[in-house]
Amino acid sequence: MTKQCFIDQQFLNCPFCKEKSEYKVLTETEFDYSYDEKAYVFTVKCTSCEKISLHVSKYQIDISYDQ
């Protein structure tokens, strides 16, 4: 995940509404980035504008899900 988007485990800079907003992680998926590296895809919903965005990271982040 880019540090520009995620402020901490509670807030992100939403790429749609451009506001500091709370968010909910909807999904997390691990995939093979290369032969010896893993990466992760996070589907996130902004609680302000309710838009869903996709974020890719080479780091697994400890996020509790709001499912």
Protein backbone atom coordinates (compact mmCIF):
# COMPACT_ATOMS: atom_id res chain seq x y z
CA MET A 1 0.00 0.00 0.00
CA THR A 2 1.20 3.42 -0.70
CA LYS A 3 1.89 5.63 2.26
CA GLN A 4 0.15 8.45 0.39
CA CYS A 5 -3.20 6.64 0.64
CA PHE A 6 -3.18 4.95 4.01
CA ILE A 7 -2.54 7.17 7.00
CA ASP A 8 -2.96 4.45 9.62
CA GLN A 9 -5.18 1.46 10.34
CA GLN A 10 -8.23 3.71 10.69
CA PHE A 11 -7.84 6.50 8.11
CA LEU A 12 -6.93 6.85 4.45
CA ASN A 13 -6.69 9.66 1.93
CA CYS A 14 -9.50 8.52 -0.31
CA PRO A 15 -8.52 8.55 -4.01
CA PHE A 16 -12.10 9.55 -4.92
CA CYS A 17 -13.28 12.15 -2.41
CA LYS A 18 -9.70 13.31 -1.61
CA GLU A 19 -10.55 13.50 2.09
CA LYS A 20 -9.05 11.92 5.19
CA SER A 21 -11.70 9.29 5.85
CA GLU A 22 -12.28 6.15 7.82
CA TYR A 23 -12.30 3.00 5.74
CA LYS A 24 -13.29 -0.66 5.81
CA VAL A 25 -11.20 -3.43 4.29
CA LEU A 26 -13.53 -5.63 2.28
CA THR A 27 -11.01 -8.19 1.00
CA GLU A 28 -7.33 -9.06 1.11
CA THR A 29 -5.77 -11.36 -1.50
CA GLU A 30 -2.22 -12.66 -1.68
CA PHE A 31 -0.60 -13.29 -5.08
CA ASP A 32 2.81 -14.12 -6.53
CA TYR A 33 4.46 -10.86 -7.54
CA SER A 34 7.46 -12.73 -8.89
CA TYR A 35 9.04 -16.17 -8.47
CA ASP A 36 10.19 -15.36 -4.95
CA GLU A 37 8.04 -12.41 -3.84
CA LYS A 38 4.47 -12.20 -2.59
CA ALA A 39 2.22 -9.16 -2.88
CA TYR A 40 -1.23 -8.30 -1.58
CA VAL A 41 -4.34 -6.68 -3.01
CA PHE A 42 -6.74 -4.88 -0.69
CA THR A 43 -10.28 -3.87 -1.61
CA VAL A 44 -11.22 -0.90 0.54
CA LYS A 45 -14.44 1.08 1.01
CA CYS A 46 -14.33 4.73 2.06
CA THR A 47 -16.93 5.45 4.72
CA SER A 48 -17.35 9.06 3.54
CA CYS A 49 -18.09 8.67 -0.17
CA GLU A 50 -18.74 4.89 -0.07
CA LYS A 51 -16.57 4.31 -3.16
CA ILE A 52 -14.56 1.09 -3.36
CA SER A 53 -10.90 1.24 -4.35
CA LEU A 54 -8.18 -1.33 -4.99
CA HIS A 55 -4.71 -1.09 -3.42
CA VAL A 56 -1.62 -3.21 -4.07
CA SER A 57 1.24 -3.69 -1.63
CA LYS A 58 4.34 -5.83 -1.33
CA TYR A 59 3.68 -5.85 2.41
CA GLN A 60 1.08 -7.79 4.30
CA ILE A 61 -0.60 -5.41 6.67
CA ASP A 62 -2.32 -6.46 9.87
CA ILE A 63 -5.81 -5.09 9.31
CA SER A 64 -8.88 -6.35 11.08
CA TYR A 65 -11.81 -6.83 8.75
CA ASP A 66 -15.21 -5.21 9.23
CA GLN A 67 -17.21 -8.04 7.73
